[in-house]
PDB file of N, CA and C in Angstrom:
ATOM      1  N   MET A   1      60.400  91.361 121.632  1.00  0.00           N
ATOM      2  CA  MET A   1      60.635  91.734 122.997  1.00  0.00           C
ATOM      3  C   MET A   1      60.568  93.261 123.085  1.00  0.00           C
ATOM      4  N   ILE A   2      59.825  93.758 124.023  1.00  0.00           N
ATOM      5  CA  ILE A   2      59.711  95.199 124.230  1.00  0.00           C
ATOM      6  C   ILE A   2      60.164  95.499 125.647  1.00  0.00           C
ATOM      7  N   ARG A   3      61.043  96.502 125.795  1.00  0.00           N
ATOM      8  CA  ARG A   3      61.526  96.903 127.106  1.00  0.00           C
ATOM      9  C   ARG A   3      61.221  98.376 127.305  1.00  0.00           C
ATOM     10  N   THR A   4      61.063  98.749 128.525  1.00  0.00           N
ATOM     11  CA  THR A   4      60.833 100.141 128.867  1.00  0.00           C
ATOM     12  C   THR A   4      62.092 100.673 129.536  1.00  0.00           C
ATOM     13  N   LEU A   5      62.539 101.832 129.094  1.00  0.00           N
ATOM     14  CA  LEU A   5      63.766 102.426 129.621  1.00  0.00           C
ATOM     15  C   LEU A   5      63.471 103.855 130.041  1.00  0.00           C
ATOM     16  N   ALA A   6      63.814 104.191 131.249  1.00  0.00           N
ATOM     17  CA  ALA A   6      63.580 105.546 131.746  1.00  0.00           C
ATOM     18  C   ALA A   6      64.858 106.351 131.585  1.00  0.00           C
ATOM     19  N   LEU A   7      64.796 107.449 130.851  1.00  0.00           N
ATOM     20  CA  LEU A   7      65.936 108.338 130.636  1.00  0.00           C
ATOM     21  C   LEU A   7      65.563 109.751 131.057  1.00  0.00           C
ATOM     22  N   LYS A   8      66.142 110.219 132.152  1.00  0.00           N
ATOM     23  CA  LYS A   8      65.946 111.590 132.634  1.00  0.00           C
ATOM     24  C   LYS A   8      64.461 111.987 132.670  1.00  0.00           C
ATOM     25  N   GLY A   9      63.656 111.170 133.285  1.00  0.00           N
ATOM     26  CA  GLY A   9      62.246 111.509 133.467  1.00  0.00           C
ATOM     27  C   GLY A   9      61.357 111.117 132.297  1.00  0.00           C
ATOM     28  N   ALA A  10      61.895 110.739 131.176  1.00  0.00           N
ATOM     29  CA  ALA A  10      61.075 110.339 130.031  1.00  0.00           C
ATOM     30  C   ALA A  10      61.127 108.825 129.907  1.00  0.00           C
ATOM     31  N   THR A  11      60.123 108.254 129.345  1.00  0.00           N
ATOM     32  CA  THR A  11      60.091 106.814 129.158  1.00  0.00           C
ATOM     33  C   THR A  11      60.181 106.511 127.672  1.00  0.00           C
ATOM     34  N   ALA A  12      61.060 105.569 127.312  1.00  0.00           N
ATOM     35  CA  ALA A  12      61.226 105.203 125.908  1.00  0.00           C
ATOM     36  C   ALA A  12      61.002 103.714 125.766  1.00  0.00           C
ATOM     37  N   LEU A  13      60.379 103.310 124.704  1.00  0.00           N
ATOM     38  CA  LEU A  13      60.191 101.893 124.415  1.00  0.00           C
ATOM     39  C   LEU A  13      61.263 101.449 123.439  1.00  0.00           C
ATOM     40  N   ILE A  14      61.897 100.370 123.783  1.00  0.00           N
ATOM     41  CA  ILE A  14      62.938  99.837 122.913  1.00  0.00           C
ATOM     42  C   ILE A  14      62.476  98.459 122.480  1.00  0.00           C
ATOM     43  N   ALA A  15      62.198  98.298 121.229  1.00  0.00           N
ATOM     44  CA  ALA A  15      61.659  97.040 120.728  1.00  0.00           C
ATOM     45  C   ALA A  15      62.749  96.221 120.058  1.00  0.00           C
ATOM     46  N   GLY A  16      63.035  95.052 120.594  1.00  0.00           N
ATOM     47  CA  GLY A  16      63.934  94.100 119.966  1.00  0.00           C
ATOM     48  C   GLY A  16      65.382  94.526 119.917  1.00  0.00           C
ATOM     49  N   MET A  17      65.767  95.593 120.550  1.00  0.00           N
ATOM     50  CA  MET A  17      67.122  96.101 120.431  1.00  0.00           C
ATOM     51  C   MET A  17      68.142  95.146 121.024  1.00  0.00           C
ATOM     52  N   PHE A  18      67.809  94.541 122.133  1.00  0.00           N
ATOM     53  CA  PHE A  18      68.768  93.695 122.818  1.00  0.00           C
ATOM     54  C   PHE A  18      68.803  92.284 122.253  1.00  0.00           C
ATOM     55  N   CYS A  19      67.753  91.828 121.652  1.00  0.00           N
ATOM     56  CA  CYS A  19      67.758  90.456 121.139  1.00  0.00           C
ATOM     57  C   CYS A  19      68.528  90.341 119.816  1.00  0.00           C
ATOM     58  N   PHE A  20      68.822  91.436 119.152  1.00  0.00           N
ATOM     59  CA  PHE A  20      69.588  91.401 117.909  1.00  0.00           C
ATOM     60  C   PHE A  20      71.034  91.808 118.096  1.00  0.00           C
ATOM     61  N   GLY A  21      71.476  91.958 119.321  1.00  0.00           N
ATOM     62  CA  GLY A  21      72.875  92.260 119.590  1.00  0.00           C
ATOM     63  C   GLY A  21      73.239  93.730 119.479  1.00  0.00           C
ATOM     64  N   ALA A  22      72.276  94.624 119.500  1.00  0.00           N
ATOM     65  CA  ALA A  22      72.597  96.050 119.443  1.00  0.00           C
ATOM     66  C   ALA A  22      73.251  96.467 120.747  1.00  0.00           C
ATOM     67  N   ALA A  23      74.007  97.501 120.722  1.00  0.00           N
ATOM     68  CA  ALA A  23      74.727  97.976 121.897  1.00  0.00           C
ATOM     69  C   ALA A  23      73.770  98.570 122.920  1.00  0.00           C
ATOM     70  N   ALA A  24      74.158  98.490 124.162  1.00  0.00           N
ATOM     71  CA  ALA A  24      73.372  99.100 125.230  1.00  0.00           C
ATOM     72  C   ALA A  24      73.408 100.614 125.075  1.00  0.00           C
ATOM     73  N   PRO A  25      72.348 101.307 125.551  1.00  0.00           N
ATOM     74  CA  PRO A  25      72.311 102.767 125.398  1.00  0.00           C
ATOM     75  C   PRO A  25      73.530 103.468 125.975  1.00  0.00           C
ATOM     76  N   SER A  26      74.055 103.003 127.103  1.00  0.00           N
ATOM     77  CA  SER A  26      75.230 103.662 127.674  1.00  0.00           C
ATOM     78  C   SER A  26      76.442 103.513 126.763  1.00  0.00           C
ATOM     79  N   THR A  27      76.552 102.353 126.085  1.00  0.00           N
ATOM     80  CA  THR A  27      77.653 102.125 125.155  1.00  0.00           C
ATOM     81  C   THR A  27      77.520 103.036 123.938  1.00  0.00           C
ATOM     82  N   VAL A  28      76.292 103.191 123.456  1.00  0.00           N
ATOM     83  CA  VAL A  28      76.051 104.055 122.293  1.00  0.00           C
ATOM     84  C   VAL A  28      76.404 105.493 122.628  1.00  0.00           C
ATOM     85  N   LEU A  29      76.023 105.951 123.837  1.00  0.00           N
ATOM     86  CA  LEU A  29      76.344 107.321 124.246  1.00  0.00           C
ATOM     87  C   LEU A  29      77.848 107.515 124.352  1.00  0.00           C
ATOM     88  N   ALA A  30      78.564 106.516 124.872  1.00  0.00           N
ATOM     89  CA  ALA A  30      80.020 106.614 124.985  1.00  0.00           C
ATOM     90  C   ALA A  30      80.663 106.668 123.605  1.00  0.00           C
ATOM     91  N   GLN A  31      80.132 105.876 122.671  1.00  0.00           N
ATOM     92  CA  GLN A  31      80.673 105.870 121.306  1.00  0.00           C
ATOM     93  C   GLN A  31      80.414 107.207 120.622  1.00  0.00           C
ATOM     94  N   ASP A  32      79.227 107.785 120.834  1.00  0.00           N
ATOM     95  CA  ASP A  32      78.916 109.088 120.246  1.00  0.00           C
ATOM     96  C   ASP A  32      79.853 110.159 120.790  1.00  0.00           C
ATOM     97  N   LYS A  33      80.138 110.104 122.097  1.00  0.00           N
ATOM     98  CA  LYS A  33      81.030 111.080 122.710  1.00  0.00           C
ATOM     99  C   LYS A  33      82.440 110.944 122.136  1.00  0.00           C
ATOM    100  N   ALA A  34      82.908 109.694 121.983  1.00  0.00           N
ATOM    101  CA  ALA A  34      84.241 109.458 121.425  1.00  0.00           C
ATOM    102  C   ALA A  34      84.312 109.946 119.979  1.00  0.00           C
ATOM    103  N   ALA A  35      83.262 109.704 119.206  1.00  0.00           N
ATOM    104  CA  ALA A  35      83.247 110.148 117.812  1.00  0.00           C
ATOM    105  C   ALA A  35      83.274 111.673 117.734  1.00  0.00           C
ATOM    106  N   THR A  36      82.552 112.344 118.632  1.00  0.00           N
ATOM    107  CA  THR A  36      82.533 113.807 118.656  1.00  0.00           C
ATOM    108  C   THR A  36      83.911 114.352 119.013  1.00  0.00           C
ATOM    109  N   GLU A  37      84.585 113.719 119.986  1.00  0.00           N
ATOM    110  CA  GLU A  37      85.916 114.170 120.379  1.00  0.00           C
ATOM    111  C   GLU A  37      86.914 113.986 119.252  1.00  0.00           C
ATOM    112  N   MET A  38      86.793 112.900 118.495  1.00  0.00           N
ATOM    113  CA  MET A  38      87.716 112.652 117.383  1.00  0.00           C
ATOM    114  C   MET A  38      87.543 113.698 116.291  1.00  0.00           C
ATOM    115  N   LYS A  39      86.303 114.108 116.047  1.00  0.00           N
ATOM    116  CA  LYS A  39      86.050 115.108 115.016  1.00  0.00           C
ATOM    117  C   LYS A  39      86.601 116.469 115.414  1.00  0.00           C
ATOM    118  N   ALA A  40      86.649 116.740 116.713  1.00  0.00           N
ATOM    119  CA  ALA A  40      87.078 118.052 117.187  1.00  0.00           C
ATOM    120  C   ALA A  40      88.586 118.260 117.063  1.00  0.00           C
ATOM    121  N   LYS A  41      89.372 117.172 117.013  1.00  0.00           N
ATOM    122  CA  LYS A  41      90.823 117.302 116.936  1.00  0.00           C
ATOM    123  C   LYS A  41      91.243 117.704 115.526  1.00  0.00           C
ATOM    124  N   PRO A  42      92.114 118.687 115.399  1.00  0.00           N
ATOM    125  CA  PRO A  42      92.594 119.063 114.061  1.00  0.00           C
ATOM    126  C   PRO A  42      93.524 117.989 113.516  1.00  0.00           C
ATOM    127  N   LYS A  43      93.472 117.788 112.216  1.00  0.00           N
ATOM    128  CA  LYS A  43      94.339 116.799 111.584  1.00  0.00           C
ATOM    129  C   LYS A  43      95.755 117.349 111.489  1.00  0.00           C
ATOM    130  N   LYS A  44      96.710 116.463 111.722  1.00  0.00           N
ATOM    131  CA  LYS A  44      98.105 116.866 111.615  1.00  0.00           C
ATOM    132  C   LYS A  44      98.514 116.812 110.154  1.00  0.00           C
ATOM    133  N   MET A  45      99.237 117.812 109.738  1.00  0.00           N
ATOM    134  CA  MET A  45      99.725 117.848 108.370  1.00  0.00           C
ATOM    135  C   MET A  45     101.120 117.245 108.336  1.00  0.00           C
ATOM    136  N   ALA A  46     101.447 116.608 107.244  1.00  0.00           N
ATOM    137  CA  ALA A  46     102.774 116.019 107.095  1.00  0.00           C
ATOM    138  C   ALA A  46     103.814 117.131 107.050  1.00  0.00           C
ATOM    139  N   LYS A  47     104.896 116.909 107.747  1.00  0.00           N
ATOM    140  CA  LYS A  47     105.967 117.897 107.747  1.00  0.00           C
ATOM    141  C   LYS A  47     106.792 117.718 106.484  1.00  0.00           C
ATOM    142  N   ARG A  48     107.161 118.799 105.889  1.00  0.00           N
ATOM    143  CA  ARG A  48     107.970 118.760 104.688  1.00  0.00           C
ATOM    144  C   ARG A  48     109.270 119.509 104.951  1.00  0.00           C
ATOM    145  N   ALA A  49     110.340 118.959 104.445  1.00  0.00           N
ATOM    146  CA  ALA A  49     111.648 119.568 104.658  1.00  0.00           C
ATOM    147  C   ALA A  49     111.681 120.984 104.073  1.00  0.00           C
ATOM    148  N   VAL A  50     112.234 121.899 104.829  1.00  0.00           N
ATOM    149  CA  VAL A  50     112.353 123.292 104.399  1.00  0.00           C
ATOM    150  C   VAL A  50     113.671 123.432 103.646  1.00  0.00           C
ATOM    151  N   PRO A  51     113.651 124.040 102.453  1.00  0.00           N
ATOM    152  CA  PRO A  51     114.893 124.215 101.705  1.00  0.00           C
ATOM    153  C   PRO A  51     115.922 125.026 102.498  1.00  0.00           C
ATOM    154  N   SER A  52     117.193 124.630 102.331  1.00  0.00           N
ATOM    155  CA  SER A  52     118.268 125.280 103.073  1.00  0.00           C
ATOM    156  C   SER A  52     119.465 125.473 102.152  1.00  0.00           C
ATOM    157  N   LYS A  53     120.140 126.603 102.300  1.00  0.00           N
ATOM    158  CA  LYS A  53     121.336 126.884 101.498  1.00  0.00           C
ATOM    159  C   LYS A  53     122.459 125.912 101.831  1.00  0.00           C
ATOM    160  N   SER A  54     122.581 125.513 103.093  1.00  0.00           N
ATOM    161  CA  SER A  54     123.645 124.578 103.474  1.00  0.00           C
ATOM    162  C   SER A  54     123.401 123.196 102.868  1.00  0.00           C
ATOM    163  N   VAL A  55     122.139 122.786 102.766  1.00  0.00           N
ATOM    164  CA  VAL A  55     121.829 121.491 102.129  1.00  0.00           C
ATOM    165  C   VAL A  55     122.076 121.585 100.623  1.00  0.00           C
ATOM    166  N   GLU A  56     121.779 122.744 100.034  1.00  0.00           N
ATOM    167  CA  GLU A  56     122.083 122.945  98.609  1.00  0.00           C
ATOM    168  C   GLU A  56     123.584 122.791  98.369  1.00  0.00           C
ATOM    169  N   ALA A  57     124.401 123.371  99.238  1.00  0.00           N
ATOM    170  CA  ALA A  57     125.856 123.266  99.106  1.00  0.00           C
ATOM    171  C   ALA A  57     126.302 121.814  99.258  1.00  0.00           C
ATOM    172  N   LEU A  58     125.707 121.099 100.213  1.00  0.00           N
ATOM    173  CA  LEU A  58     126.020 119.686 100.422  1.00  0.00           C
ATOM    174  C   LEU A  58     125.656 118.872  99.185  1.00  0.00           C
ATOM    175  N   GLN A  59     124.471 119.106  98.634  1.00  0.00           N
ATOM    176  CA  GLN A  59     124.037 118.380  97.439  1.00  0.00           C
ATOM    177  C   GLN A  59     124.957 118.670  96.257  1.00  0.00           C
ATOM    178  N   ALA A  60     125.352 119.912  96.084  1.00  0.00           N
ATOM    179  CA  ALA A  60     126.263 120.279  94.999  1.00  0.00           C
ATOM    180  C   ALA A  60     127.613 119.584  95.167  1.00  0.00           C
ATOM    181  N   ALA A  61     128.120 119.545  96.403  1.00  0.00           N
ATOM    182  CA  ALA A  61     129.399 118.880  96.672  1.00  0.00           C
ATOM    183  C   ALA A  61     129.299 117.378  96.424  1.00  0.00           C
ATOM    184  N   LEU A  62     128.186 116.773  96.808  1.00  0.00           N
ATOM    185  CA  LEU A  62     127.995 115.345  96.551  1.00  0.00           C
ATOM    186  C   LEU A  62     127.897 115.071  95.054  1.00  0.00           C
ATOM    187  N   ASN A  63     127.238 115.982  94.326  1.00  0.00           N
ATOM    188  CA  ASN A  63     127.152 115.837  92.863  1.00  0.00           C
ATOM    189  C   ASN A  63     128.535 115.915  92.217  1.00  0.00           C
ATOM    190  N   LYS A  64     129.418 116.775  92.735  1.00  0.00           N
ATOM    191  CA  LYS A  64     130.786 116.874  92.202  1.00  0.00           C
ATOM    192  C   LYS A  64     131.560 115.582  92.448  1.00  0.00           C
ATOM    193  N   ASN A  65     131.119 114.821  93.451  1.00  0.00           N
ATOM    194  CA  ASN A  65     131.784 113.568  93.794  1.00  0.00           C
ATOM    195  C   ASN A  65     131.030 112.343  93.275  1.00  0.00           C
ATOM    196  N   GLY A  66     130.182 112.527  92.278  1.00  0.00           N
ATOM    197  CA  GLY A  66     129.557 111.391  91.611  1.00  0.00           C
ATOM    198  C   GLY A  66     128.081 111.161  91.873  1.00  0.00           C
ATOM    199  N   ALA A  67     127.490 111.837  92.827  1.00  0.00           N
ATOM    200  CA  ALA A  67     126.053 111.662  93.079  1.00  0.00           C
ATOM    201  C   ALA A  67     125.256 112.364  91.988  1.00  0.00           C
ATOM    202  N   GLN A  68     124.024 111.976  91.845  1.00  0.00           N
ATOM    203  CA  GLN A  68     123.139 112.614  90.860  1.00  0.00           C
ATOM    204  C   GLN A  68     121.880 113.078  91.586  1.00  0.00           C
ATOM    205  N   LEU A  69     122.030 114.156  92.321  1.00  0.00           N
ATOM    206  CA  LEU A  69     120.935 114.687  93.129  1.00  0.00           C
ATOM    207  C   LEU A  69     120.392 115.972  92.527  1.00  0.00           C
ATOM    208  N   ALA A  70     119.111 116.204  92.742  1.00  0.00           N
ATOM    209  CA  ALA A  70     118.532 117.505  92.417  1.00  0.00           C
ATOM    210  C   ALA A  70     118.983 118.459  93.519  1.00  0.00           C
ATOM    211  N   VAL A  71     119.524 119.595  93.153  1.00  0.00           N
ATOM    212  CA  VAL A  71     119.981 120.571  94.147  1.00  0.00           C
ATOM    213  C   VAL A  71     118.786 121.450  94.503  1.00  0.00           C
ATOM    214  N   ASP A  72     117.988 120.939  95.462  1.00  0.00           N
ATOM    215  CA  ASP A  72     116.770 121.638  95.856  1.00  0.00           C
ATOM    216  C   ASP A  72     116.815 122.157  97.295  1.00  0.00           C
ATOM    217  N   GLY A  73     117.880 121.851  98.014  1.00  0.00           N
ATOM    218  CA  GLY A  73     118.021 122.341  99.380  1.00  0.00           C
ATOM    219  C   GLY A  73     117.234 121.562 100.413  1.00  0.00           C
ATOM    220  N   ARG A  74     116.655 120.436 100.027  1.00  0.00           N
ATOM    221  CA  ARG A  74     115.878 119.615 100.957  1.00  0.00           C
ATOM    222  C   ARG A  74     116.647 118.348 101.312  1.00  0.00           C
ATOM    223  N   MET A  75     116.785 118.085 102.593  1.00  0.00           N
ATOM    224  CA  MET A  75     117.505 116.913 103.071  1.00  0.00           C
ATOM    225  C   MET A  75     116.545 115.725 103.073  1.00  0.00           C
ATOM    226  N   GLY A  76     116.361 115.139 101.911  1.00  0.00           N
ATOM    227  CA  GLY A  76     115.438 114.027 101.771  1.00  0.00           C
ATOM    228  C   GLY A  76     116.144 112.683 101.763  1.00  0.00           C
ATOM    229  N   LYS A  77     115.378 111.667 101.426  1.00  0.00           N
ATOM    230  CA  LYS A  77     115.875 110.292 101.439  1.00  0.00           C
ATOM    231  C   LYS A  77     117.029 110.091 100.460  1.00  0.00           C
ATOM    232  N   ARG A  78     116.912 110.634  99.257  1.00  0.00           N
ATOM    233  CA  ARG A  78     117.968 110.452  98.255  1.00  0.00           C
ATOM    234  C   ARG A  78     119.267 111.147  98.672  1.00  0.00           C
ATOM    235  N   THR A  79     119.150 112.314  99.282  1.00  0.00           N
ATOM    236  CA  THR A  79     120.340 113.039  99.741  1.00  0.00           C
ATOM    237  C   THR A  79     121.017 112.262 100.865  1.00  0.00           C
ATOM    238  N   ARG A  80     120.237 111.753 101.820  1.00  0.00           N
ATOM    239  CA  ARG A  80     120.817 110.969 102.919  1.00  0.00           C
ATOM    240  C   ARG A  80     121.487 109.698 102.401  1.00  0.00           C
ATOM    241  N   THR A  81     120.858 109.034 101.438  1.00  0.00           N
ATOM    242  CA  THR A  81     121.432 107.812 100.864  1.00  0.00           C
ATOM    243  C   THR A  81     122.746 108.118 100.158  1.00  0.00           C
ATOM    244  N   ALA A  82     122.765 109.185  99.373  1.00  0.00           N
ATOM    245  CA  ALA A  82     123.998 109.576  98.675  1.00  0.00           C
ATOM    246  C   ALA A  82     125.083 109.969  99.678  1.00  0.00           C
ATOM    247  N   LEU A  83     124.692 110.648 100.753  1.00  0.00           N
ATOM    248  CA  LEU A  83     125.649 111.056 101.777  1.00  0.00           C
ATOM    249  C   LEU A  83     126.233 109.827 102.481  1.00  0.00           C
ATOM    250  N   ARG A  84     125.387 108.845 102.807  1.00  0.00           N
ATOM    251  CA  ARG A  84     125.884 107.616 103.434  1.00  0.00           C
ATOM    252  C   ARG A  84     126.879 106.906 102.526  1.00  0.00           C
ATOM    253  N   ALA A  85     126.540 106.803 101.243  1.00  0.00           N
ATOM    254  CA  ALA A  85     127.421 106.129 100.285  1.00  0.00           C
ATOM    255  C   ALA A  85     128.762 106.858 100.196  1.00  0.00           C
ATOM    256  N   TRP A  86     128.720 108.186 100.142  1.00  0.00           N
ATOM    257  CA  TRP A  86     129.958 108.966 100.061  1.00  0.00           C
ATOM    258  C   TRP A  86     130.780 108.802 101.338  1.00  0.00           C
ATOM    259  N   GLN A  87     130.116 108.845 102.488  1.00  0.00           N
ATOM    260  CA  GLN A  87     130.820 108.678 103.763  1.00  0.00           C
ATOM    261  C   GLN A  87     131.510 107.305 103.818  1.00  0.00           C
ATOM    262  N   LYS A  88     130.802 106.273 103.409  1.00  0.00           N
ATOM    263  CA  LYS A  88     131.356 104.917 103.438  1.00  0.00           C
ATOM    264  C   LYS A  88     132.555 104.809 102.499  1.00  0.00           C
ATOM    265  N   ALA A  89     132.434 105.393 101.306  1.00  0.00           N
ATOM    266  CA  ALA A  89     133.503 105.328 100.318  1.00  0.00           C
ATOM    267  C   ALA A  89     134.734 106.130 100.743  1.00  0.00           C
ATOM    268  N   ASN A  90     134.556 107.083 101.653  1.00  0.00           N
ATOM    269  CA  ASN A  90     135.655 107.946 102.076  1.00  0.00           C
ATOM    270  C   ASN A  90     136.134 107.658 103.501  1.00  0.00           C
ATOM    271  N   GLY A  91     135.835 106.476 104.003  1.00  0.00           N
ATOM    272  CA  GLY A  91     136.352 106.042 105.292  1.00  0.00           C
ATOM    273  C   GLY A  91     135.725 106.700 106.512  1.00  0.00           C
ATOM    274  N   LEU A  92     134.570 107.279 106.336  1.00  0.00           N
ATOM    275  CA  LEU A  92     133.864 107.886 107.466  1.00  0.00           C
ATOM    276  C   LEU A  92     132.731 106.963 107.916  1.00  0.00           C
ATOM    277  N   LYS A  93     132.255 107.180 109.122  1.00  0.00           N
ATOM    278  CA  LYS A  93     131.116 106.416 109.614  1.00  0.00           C
ATOM    279  C   LYS A  93     129.887 106.837 108.807  1.00  0.00           C
ATOM    280  N   ALA A  94     129.239 105.847 108.162  1.00  0.00           N
ATOM    281  CA  ALA A  94     128.107 106.125 107.267  1.00  0.00           C
ATOM    282  C   ALA A  94     126.831 106.351 108.071  1.00  0.00           C
ATOM    283  N   THR A  95     126.614 107.598 108.464  1.00  0.00           N
ATOM    284  CA  THR A  95     125.452 107.953 109.284  1.00  0.00           C
ATOM    285  C   THR A  95     124.361 108.658 108.487  1.00  0.00           C
ATOM    286  N   GLY A  96     124.727 109.269 107.381  1.00  0.00           N
ATOM    287  CA  GLY A  96     123.760 110.064 106.628  1.00  0.00           C
ATOM    288  C   GLY A  96     123.564 111.444 107.224  1.00  0.00           C
ATOM    289  N   VAL A  97     124.405 111.793 108.190  1.00  0.00           N
ATOM    290  CA  VAL A  97     124.363 113.112 108.833  1.00  0.00           C
ATOM    291  C   VAL A  97     125.628 113.864 108.444  1.00  0.00           C
ATOM    292  N   ALA A  98     125.461 115.098 108.016  1.00  0.00           N
ATOM    293  CA  ALA A  98     126.601 115.910 107.599  1.00  0.00           C
ATOM    294  C   ALA A  98     127.256 116.523 108.824  1.00  0.00           C
ATOM    295  N   ASP A  99     128.096 115.744 109.499  1.00  0.00           N
ATOM    296  CA  ASP A  99     128.792 116.224 110.691  1.00  0.00           C
ATOM    297  C   ASP A  99     130.027 117.016 110.298  1.00  0.00           C
ATOM    298  N   LYS A 100     130.801 117.474 111.273  1.00  0.00           N
ATOM    299  CA  LYS A 100     131.977 118.304 111.003  1.00  0.00           C
ATOM    300  C   LYS A 100     133.013 117.571 110.154  1.00  0.00           C
ATOM    301  N   ALA A 101     133.268 116.291 110.451  1.00  0.00           N
ATOM    302  CA  ALA A 101     134.257 115.524 109.690  1.00  0.00           C
ATOM    303  C   ALA A 101     133.827 115.381 108.236  1.00  0.00           C
ATOM    304  N   THR A 102     132.561 115.121 108.011  1.00  0.00           N
ATOM    305  CA  THR A 102     132.050 114.982 106.641  1.00  0.00           C
ATOM    306  C   THR A 102     132.165 116.297 105.882  1.00  0.00           C
ATOM    307  N   MET A 103     131.735 117.369 106.520  1.00  0.00           N
ATOM    308  CA  MET A 103     131.770 118.674 105.863  1.00  0.00           C
ATOM    309  C   MET A 103     133.211 119.085 105.560  1.00  0.00           C
ATOM    310  N   ALA A 104     134.124 118.798 106.462  1.00  0.00           N
ATOM    311  CA  ALA A 104     135.536 119.142 106.246  1.00  0.00           C
ATOM    312  C   ALA A 104     136.106 118.346 105.069  1.00  0.00           C
ATOM    313  N   LYS A 105     135.780 117.067 105.016  1.00  0.00           N
ATOM    314  CA  LYS A 105     136.302 116.229 103.940  1.00  0.00           C
ATOM    315  C   LYS A 105     135.706 116.619 102.588  1.00  0.00           C
ATOM    316  N   LEU A 106     134.463 117.125 102.599  1.00  0.00           N
ATOM    317  CA  LEU A 106     133.817 117.599 101.366  1.00  0.00           C
ATOM    318  C   LEU A 106     134.337 118.990 100.978  1.00  0.00           C
ATOM    319  N   GLY A 107     135.042 119.651 101.888  1.00  0.00           N
ATOM    320  CA  GLY A 107     135.549 120.990 101.604  1.00  0.00           C
ATOM    321  C   GLY A 107     134.527 122.086 101.843  1.00  0.00           C
ATOM    322  N   LEU A 108     133.588 121.825 102.714  1.00  0.00           N
ATOM    323  CA  LEU A 108     132.542 122.828 103.013  1.00  0.00           C
ATOM    324  C   LEU A 108     132.743 123.429 104.389  1.00  0.00           C
TER     325      LEU A 108
END
């Protein structure tokens, strides 16, 4: 099957494109535009916790109370888990957040 397609004053022959299930030209142009827009967006980088002296103090205090954390100043998953466990063991609401009550009970 051969079809004639007029595009902006030019004529193009399209042979067998539609009988094999290929996309219509307007669909192809839309897909090309979407692909170009996706390439133009900058990739987001993963955020990494910034070391903090207050988190280092928290980690050191948790280590004195039985935790085994690396004192790196980053509030990561292991620090939050250890903090929740300590809060639960000391009658505080286990949130994993170092609030005023937690810090006071830790002596910080």
